[in-house]
Amino acid sequence: MIHKTWYNHETIKQIKCTNTNAKKFTVENVLTPGKTYDVKNESEEFYFVVDDTGKMGGFLKDYFE
């Protein structure tokens, strides 16, 4: 249940979205290329950030630099 408190955690780092070219999922509705996002948690494949809708989301690292 730790994922329910990630929104309130301090920011680990900031990353910039470089693209929204998703093969399988619709990402362009929640991420903006060129915008900087606060990383609240990270795994081997995903960054967990507060997206443009104001909700916590897990996104592949391929979308960020």
PDB file of N, CA and C in Angstrom:
ATOM      1  N   MET A   1       0.799  -1.197   0.000  1.00  0.00           N
ATOM      2  CA  MET A   1       0.000   0.000   0.000  1.00  0.00           C
ATOM      3  C   MET A   1       0.849   1.272   0.000  1.00  0.00           C
ATOM      4  N   ILE A   2       2.159   1.126  -0.123  1.00  0.00           N
ATOM      5  CA  ILE A   2       3.041   2.294  -0.113  1.00  0.00           C
ATOM      6  C   ILE A   2       2.745   3.238  -1.280  1.00  0.00           C
ATOM      7  N   HIS A   3       2.204   2.705  -2.365  1.00  0.00           N
ATOM      8  CA  HIS A   3       1.910   3.544  -3.529  1.00  0.00           C
ATOM      9  C   HIS A   3       0.870   4.620  -3.232  1.00  0.00           C
ATOM     10  N   LYS A   4       0.096   4.456  -2.180  1.00  0.00           N
ATOM     11  CA  LYS A   4      -0.925   5.446  -1.830  1.00  0.00           C
ATOM     12  C   LYS A   4      -0.323   6.684  -1.177  1.00  0.00           C
ATOM     13  N   THR A   5       0.915   6.605  -0.703  1.00  0.00           N
ATOM     14  CA  THR A   5       1.558   7.754  -0.057  1.00  0.00           C
ATOM     15  C   THR A   5       2.617   8.403  -0.946  1.00  0.00           C
ATOM     16  N   TRP A   6       2.868   7.897  -2.134  1.00  0.00           N
ATOM     17  CA  TRP A   6       3.891   8.464  -3.024  1.00  0.00           C
ATOM     18  C   TRP A   6       3.601   9.913  -3.373  1.00  0.00           C
ATOM     19  N   TYR A   7       2.352  10.282  -3.521  1.00  0.00           N
ATOM     20  CA  TYR A   7       1.977  11.636  -3.898  1.00  0.00           C
ATOM     21  C   TYR A   7       2.514  12.649  -2.894  1.00  0.00           C
ATOM     22  N   ASN A   8       2.550  12.273  -1.627  1.00  0.00           N
ATOM     23  CA  ASN A   8       3.005  13.167  -0.563  1.00  0.00           C
ATOM     24  C   ASN A   8       4.496  13.078  -0.281  1.00  0.00           C
ATOM     25  N   HIS A   9       5.199  12.119  -0.881  1.00  0.00           N
ATOM     26  CA  HIS A   9       6.641  11.985  -0.667  1.00  0.00           C
ATOM     27  C   HIS A   9       7.380  13.158  -1.275  1.00  0.00           C
ATOM     28  N   GLU A  10       8.586  13.386  -0.761  1.00  0.00           N
ATOM     29  CA  GLU A  10       9.394  14.446  -1.349  1.00  0.00           C
ATOM     30  C   GLU A  10       9.905  13.994  -2.720  1.00  0.00           C
ATOM     31  N   THR A  11      10.220  14.948  -3.544  1.00  0.00           N
ATOM     32  CA  THR A  11      10.659  14.683  -4.906  1.00  0.00           C
ATOM     33  C   THR A  11      12.075  14.123  -4.902  1.00  0.00           C
ATOM     34  N   ILE A  12      12.283  13.007  -5.622  1.00  0.00           N
ATOM     35  CA  ILE A  12      13.598  12.390  -5.732  1.00  0.00           C
ATOM     36  C   ILE A  12      14.473  13.204  -6.685  1.00  0.00           C
ATOM     37  N   LYS A  13      13.918  13.515  -7.855  1.00  0.00           N
ATOM     38  CA  LYS A  13      14.613  14.309  -8.871  1.00  0.00           C
ATOM     39  C   LYS A  13      13.576  14.835  -9.848  1.00  0.00           C
ATOM     40  N   GLN A  14      14.029  15.669 -10.764  1.00  0.00           N
ATOM     41  CA  GLN A  14      13.146  16.176 -11.801  1.00  0.00           C
ATOM     42  C   GLN A  14      13.637  15.673 -13.152  1.00  0.00           C
ATOM     43  N   ILE A  15      12.681  15.306 -14.010  1.00  0.00           N
ATOM     44  CA  ILE A  15      13.019  14.807 -15.336  1.00  0.00           C
ATOM     45  C   ILE A  15      12.177  15.527 -16.377  1.00  0.00           C
ATOM     46  N   LYS A  16      12.690  15.573 -17.590  1.00  0.00           N
ATOM     47  CA  LYS A  16      12.009  16.268 -18.682  1.00  0.00           C
ATOM     48  C   LYS A  16      11.426  15.240 -19.647  1.00  0.00           C
ATOM     49  N   CYS A  17      10.170  15.428 -20.009  1.00  0.00           N
ATOM     50  CA  CYS A  17       9.514  14.557 -20.979  1.00  0.00           C
ATOM     51  C   CYS A  17      10.036  14.917 -22.367  1.00  0.00           C
ATOM     52  N   THR A  18      10.475  13.905 -23.120  1.00  0.00           N
ATOM     53  CA  THR A  18      11.026  14.151 -24.453  1.00  0.00           C
ATOM     54  C   THR A  18      10.067  13.773 -25.565  1.00  0.00           C
ATOM     55  N   ASN A  19       9.178  12.813 -25.306  1.00  0.00           N
ATOM     56  CA  ASN A  19       8.240  12.392 -26.345  1.00  0.00           C
ATOM     57  C   ASN A  19       7.043  11.698 -25.723  1.00  0.00           C
ATOM     58  N   THR A  20       6.002  11.530 -26.523  1.00  0.00           N
ATOM     59  CA  THR A  20       4.818  10.777 -26.094  1.00  0.00           C
ATOM     60  C   THR A  20       4.461   9.739 -27.151  1.00  0.00           C
ATOM     61  N   ASN A  21       5.470   9.196 -27.801  1.00  0.00           N
ATOM     62  CA  ASN A  21       5.284   8.215 -28.874  1.00  0.00           C
ATOM     63  C   ASN A  21       5.127   6.820 -28.290  1.00  0.00           C
ATOM     64  N   ALA A  22       3.958   6.530 -27.772  1.00  0.00           N
ATOM     65  CA  ALA A  22       3.686   5.234 -27.166  1.00  0.00           C
ATOM     66  C   ALA A  22       3.143   4.281 -28.218  1.00  0.00           C
ATOM     67  N   LYS A  23       3.620   3.041 -28.188  1.00  0.00           N
ATOM     68  CA  LYS A  23       3.161   2.034 -29.140  1.00  0.00           C
ATOM     69  C   LYS A  23       1.830   1.422 -28.709  1.00  0.00           C
ATOM     70  N   LYS A  24       1.658   1.265 -27.388  1.00  0.00           N
ATOM     71  CA  LYS A  24       0.502   0.514 -26.906  1.00  0.00           C
ATOM     72  C   LYS A  24      -0.501   1.362 -26.118  1.00  0.00           C
ATOM     73  N   PHE A  25      -0.029   2.394 -25.425  1.00  0.00           N
ATOM     74  CA  PHE A  25      -0.884   3.161 -24.528  1.00  0.00           C
ATOM     75  C   PHE A  25      -1.051   4.597 -25.015  1.00  0.00           C
ATOM     76  N   THR A  26      -2.065   5.274 -24.538  1.00  0.00           N
ATOM     77  CA  THR A  26      -2.288   6.683 -24.850  1.00  0.00           C
ATOM     78  C   THR A  26      -1.598   7.516 -23.782  1.00  0.00           C
ATOM     79  N   VAL A  27      -0.513   8.158 -24.158  1.00  0.00           N
ATOM     80  CA  VAL A  27       0.286   8.925 -23.211  1.00  0.00           C
ATOM     81  C   VAL A  27       0.167  10.423 -23.460  1.00  0.00           C
ATOM     82  N   GLU A  28      -0.159  10.810 -24.687  1.00  0.00           N
ATOM     83  CA  GLU A  28      -0.186  12.239 -25.017  1.00  0.00           C
ATOM     84  C   GLU A  28      -1.268  13.007 -24.266  1.00  0.00           C
ATOM     85  N   ASN A  29      -2.225  12.328 -23.659  1.00  0.00           N
ATOM     86  CA  ASN A  29      -3.275  12.995 -22.884  1.00  0.00           C
ATOM     87  C   ASN A  29      -2.811  13.385 -21.479  1.00  0.00           C
ATOM     88  N   VAL A  30      -1.722  12.778 -20.998  1.00  0.00           N
ATOM     89  CA  VAL A  30      -1.299  13.019 -19.617  1.00  0.00           C
ATOM     90  C   VAL A  30       0.132  13.527 -19.487  1.00  0.00           C
ATOM     91  N   LEU A  31       0.923  13.479 -20.549  1.00  0.00           N
ATOM     92  CA  LEU A  31       2.285  14.005 -20.533  1.00  0.00           C
ATOM     93  C   LEU A  31       2.445  15.039 -21.639  1.00  0.00           C
ATOM     94  N   THR A  32       3.273  16.040 -21.388  1.00  0.00           N
ATOM     95  CA  THR A  32       3.538  17.089 -22.372  1.00  0.00           C
ATOM     96  C   THR A  32       5.026  17.098 -22.688  1.00  0.00           C
ATOM     97  N   PRO A  33       5.409  16.871 -23.952  1.00  0.00           N
ATOM     98  CA  PRO A  33       6.837  16.935 -24.312  1.00  0.00           C
ATOM     99  C   PRO A  33       7.411  18.311 -23.984  1.00  0.00           C
ATOM    100  N   GLY A  34       8.591  18.313 -23.371  1.00  0.00           N
ATOM    101  CA  GLY A  34       9.245  19.553 -22.985  1.00  0.00           C
ATOM    102  C   GLY A  34       8.960  19.993 -21.559  1.00  0.00           C
ATOM    103  N   LYS A  35       7.968  19.407 -20.922  1.00  0.00           N
ATOM    104  CA  LYS A  35       7.609  19.767 -19.547  1.00  0.00           C
ATOM    105  C   LYS A  35       8.444  18.954 -18.564  1.00  0.00           C
ATOM    106  N   THR A  36       8.781  19.560 -17.435  1.00  0.00           N
ATOM    107  CA  THR A  36       9.558  18.893 -16.390  1.00  0.00           C
ATOM    108  C   THR A  36       8.607  18.348 -15.331  1.00  0.00           C
ATOM    109  N   TYR A  37       8.855  17.111 -14.921  1.00  0.00           N
ATOM    110  CA  TYR A  37       8.006  16.440 -13.929  1.00  0.00           C
ATOM    111  C   TYR A  37       8.830  16.047 -12.708  1.00  0.00           C
ATOM    112  N   ASP A  38       8.184  16.035 -11.541  1.00  0.00           N
ATOM    113  CA  ASP A  38       8.813  15.607 -10.291  1.00  0.00           C
ATOM    114  C   ASP A  38       8.683  14.101 -10.144  1.00  0.00           C
ATOM    115  N   VAL A  39       9.805  13.419  -9.942  1.00  0.00           N
ATOM    116  CA  VAL A  39       9.801  11.967  -9.743  1.00  0.00           C
ATOM    117  C   VAL A  39       9.587  11.684  -8.268  1.00  0.00           C
ATOM    118  N   LYS A  40       8.537  10.933  -7.975  1.00  0.00           N
ATOM    119  CA  LYS A  40       8.218  10.580  -6.593  1.00  0.00           C
ATOM    120  C   LYS A  40       8.744   9.196  -6.224  1.00  0.00           C
ATOM    121  N   ASN A  41       8.879   8.332  -7.235  1.00  0.00           N
ATOM    122  CA  ASN A  41       9.426   6.992  -7.018  1.00  0.00           C
ATOM    123  C   ASN A  41       9.944   6.487  -8.354  1.00  0.00           C
ATOM    124  N   GLU A  42      10.809   5.474  -8.320  1.00  0.00           N
ATOM    125  CA  GLU A  42      11.432   4.962  -9.533  1.00  0.00           C
ATOM    126  C   GLU A  42      11.653   3.466  -9.400  1.00  0.00           C
ATOM    127  N   SER A  43      11.477   2.755 -10.505  1.00  0.00           N
ATOM    128  CA  SER A  43      11.799   1.333 -10.563  1.00  0.00           C
ATOM    129  C   SER A  43      12.753   1.128 -11.737  1.00  0.00           C
ATOM    130  N   GLU A  44      13.056  -0.103 -12.069  1.00  0.00           N
ATOM    131  CA  GLU A  44      13.969  -0.377 -13.177  1.00  0.00           C
ATOM    132  C   GLU A  44      13.416   0.105 -14.511  1.00  0.00           C
ATOM    133  N   GLU A  45      12.109   0.013 -14.700  1.00  0.00           N
ATOM    134  CA  GLU A  45      11.491   0.367 -15.978  1.00  0.00           C
ATOM    135  C   GLU A  45      10.681   1.652 -15.963  1.00  0.00           C
ATOM    136  N   PHE A  46      10.230   2.084 -14.789  1.00  0.00           N
ATOM    137  CA  PHE A  46       9.255   3.166 -14.712  1.00  0.00           C
ATOM    138  C   PHE A  46       9.703   4.311 -13.823  1.00  0.00           C
ATOM    139  N   TYR A  47       9.221   5.512 -14.180  1.00  0.00           N
ATOM    140  CA  TYR A  47       9.249   6.671 -13.292  1.00  0.00           C
ATOM    141  C   TYR A  47       7.816   6.883 -12.837  1.00  0.00           C
ATOM    142  N   PHE A  48       7.622   7.186 -11.561  1.00  0.00           N
ATOM    143  CA  PHE A  48       6.307   7.489 -11.025  1.00  0.00           C
ATOM    144  C   PHE A  48       6.253   8.984 -10.761  1.00  0.00           C
ATOM    145  N   VAL A  49       5.439   9.678 -11.543  1.00  0.00           N
ATOM    146  CA  VAL A  49       5.369  11.137 -11.506  1.00  0.00           C
ATOM    147  C   VAL A  49       3.917  11.580 -11.370  1.00  0.00           C
ATOM    148  N   VAL A  50       3.740  12.837 -10.961  1.00  0.00           N
ATOM    149  CA  VAL A  50       2.418  13.446 -10.968  1.00  0.00           C
ATOM    150  C   VAL A  50       2.229  14.009 -12.373  1.00  0.00           C
ATOM    151  N   ASP A  51       1.284  13.447 -13.116  1.00  0.00           N
ATOM    152  CA  ASP A  51       1.102  13.823 -14.525  1.00  0.00           C
ATOM    153  C   ASP A  51       0.246  15.077 -14.663  1.00  0.00           C
ATOM    154  N   ASP A  52      -0.101  15.426 -15.899  1.00  0.00           N
ATOM    155  CA  ASP A  52      -0.859  16.656 -16.182  1.00  0.00           C
ATOM    156  C   ASP A  52      -2.279  16.642 -15.612  1.00  0.00           C
ATOM    157  N   THR A  53      -2.802  15.474 -15.285  1.00  0.00           N
ATOM    158  CA  THR A  53      -4.140  15.396 -14.700  1.00  0.00           C
ATOM    159  C   THR A  53      -4.105  15.603 -13.187  1.00  0.00           C
ATOM    160  N   GLY A  54      -2.893  15.668 -12.608  1.00  0.00           N
ATOM    161  CA  GLY A  54      -2.756  15.835 -11.164  1.00  0.00           C
ATOM    162  C   GLY A  54      -2.741  14.531 -10.402  1.00  0.00           C
ATOM    163  N   LYS A  55      -2.708  13.419 -11.136  1.00  0.00           N
ATOM    164  CA  LYS A  55      -2.693  12.099 -10.494  1.00  0.00           C
ATOM    165  C   LYS A  55      -1.321  11.462 -10.646  1.00  0.00           C
ATOM    166  N   MET A  56      -1.030  10.531  -9.749  1.00  0.00           N
ATOM    167  CA  MET A  56       0.227   9.796  -9.807  1.00  0.00           C
ATOM    168  C   MET A  56       0.126   8.752 -10.904  1.00  0.00           C
ATOM    169  N   GLY A  57       1.161   8.673 -11.746  1.00  0.00           N
ATOM    170  CA  GLY A  57       1.176   7.694 -12.821  1.00  0.00           C
ATOM    171  C   GLY A  57       2.551   7.107 -12.996  1.00  0.00           C
ATOM    172  N   GLY A  58       2.602   5.869 -13.439  1.00  0.00           N
ATOM    173  CA  GLY A  58       3.869   5.204 -13.737  1.00  0.00           C
ATOM    174  C   GLY A  58       4.072   5.191 -15.239  1.00  0.00           C
ATOM    175  N   PHE A  59       5.207   5.718 -15.688  1.00  0.00           N
ATOM    176  CA  PHE A  59       5.489   5.831 -17.118  1.00  0.00           C
ATOM    177  C   PHE A  59       6.849   5.231 -17.430  1.00  0.00           C
ATOM    178  N   LEU A  60       6.956   4.610 -18.588  1.00  0.00           N
ATOM    179  CA  LEU A  60       8.223   4.045 -19.014  1.00  0.00           C
ATOM    180  C   LEU A  60       9.298   5.120 -19.076  1.00  0.00           C
ATOM    181  N   LYS A  61      10.507   4.733 -18.799  1.00  0.00           N
ATOM    182  CA  LYS A  61      11.622   5.684 -18.811  1.00  0.00           C
ATOM    183  C   LYS A  61      11.926   6.181 -20.230  1.00  0.00           C
ATOM    184  N   ASP A  62      11.387   5.521 -21.244  1.00  0.00           N
ATOM    185  CA  ASP A  62      11.622   5.903 -22.636  1.00  0.00           C
ATOM    186  C   ASP A  62      11.079   7.290 -22.977  1.00  0.00           C
ATOM    187  N   TYR A  63      10.120   7.776 -22.202  1.00  0.00           N
ATOM    188  CA  TYR A  63       9.495   9.061 -22.489  1.00  0.00           C
ATOM    189  C   TYR A  63      10.254  10.249 -21.907  1.00  0.00           C
ATOM    190  N   PHE A  64      11.310   9.981 -21.150  1.00  0.00           N
ATOM    191  CA  PHE A  64      12.021  11.037 -20.415  1.00  0.00           C
ATOM    192  C   PHE A  64      13.516  11.009 -20.702  1.00  0.00           C
ATOM    193  N   GLU A  65      14.175  12.141 -20.404  1.00  0.00           N
ATOM    194  CA  GLU A  65      15.632  12.194 -20.508  1.00  0.00           C
ATOM    195  C   GLU A  65      16.237  12.362 -19.131  1.00  0.00           C
TER     196      GLU A  65
END
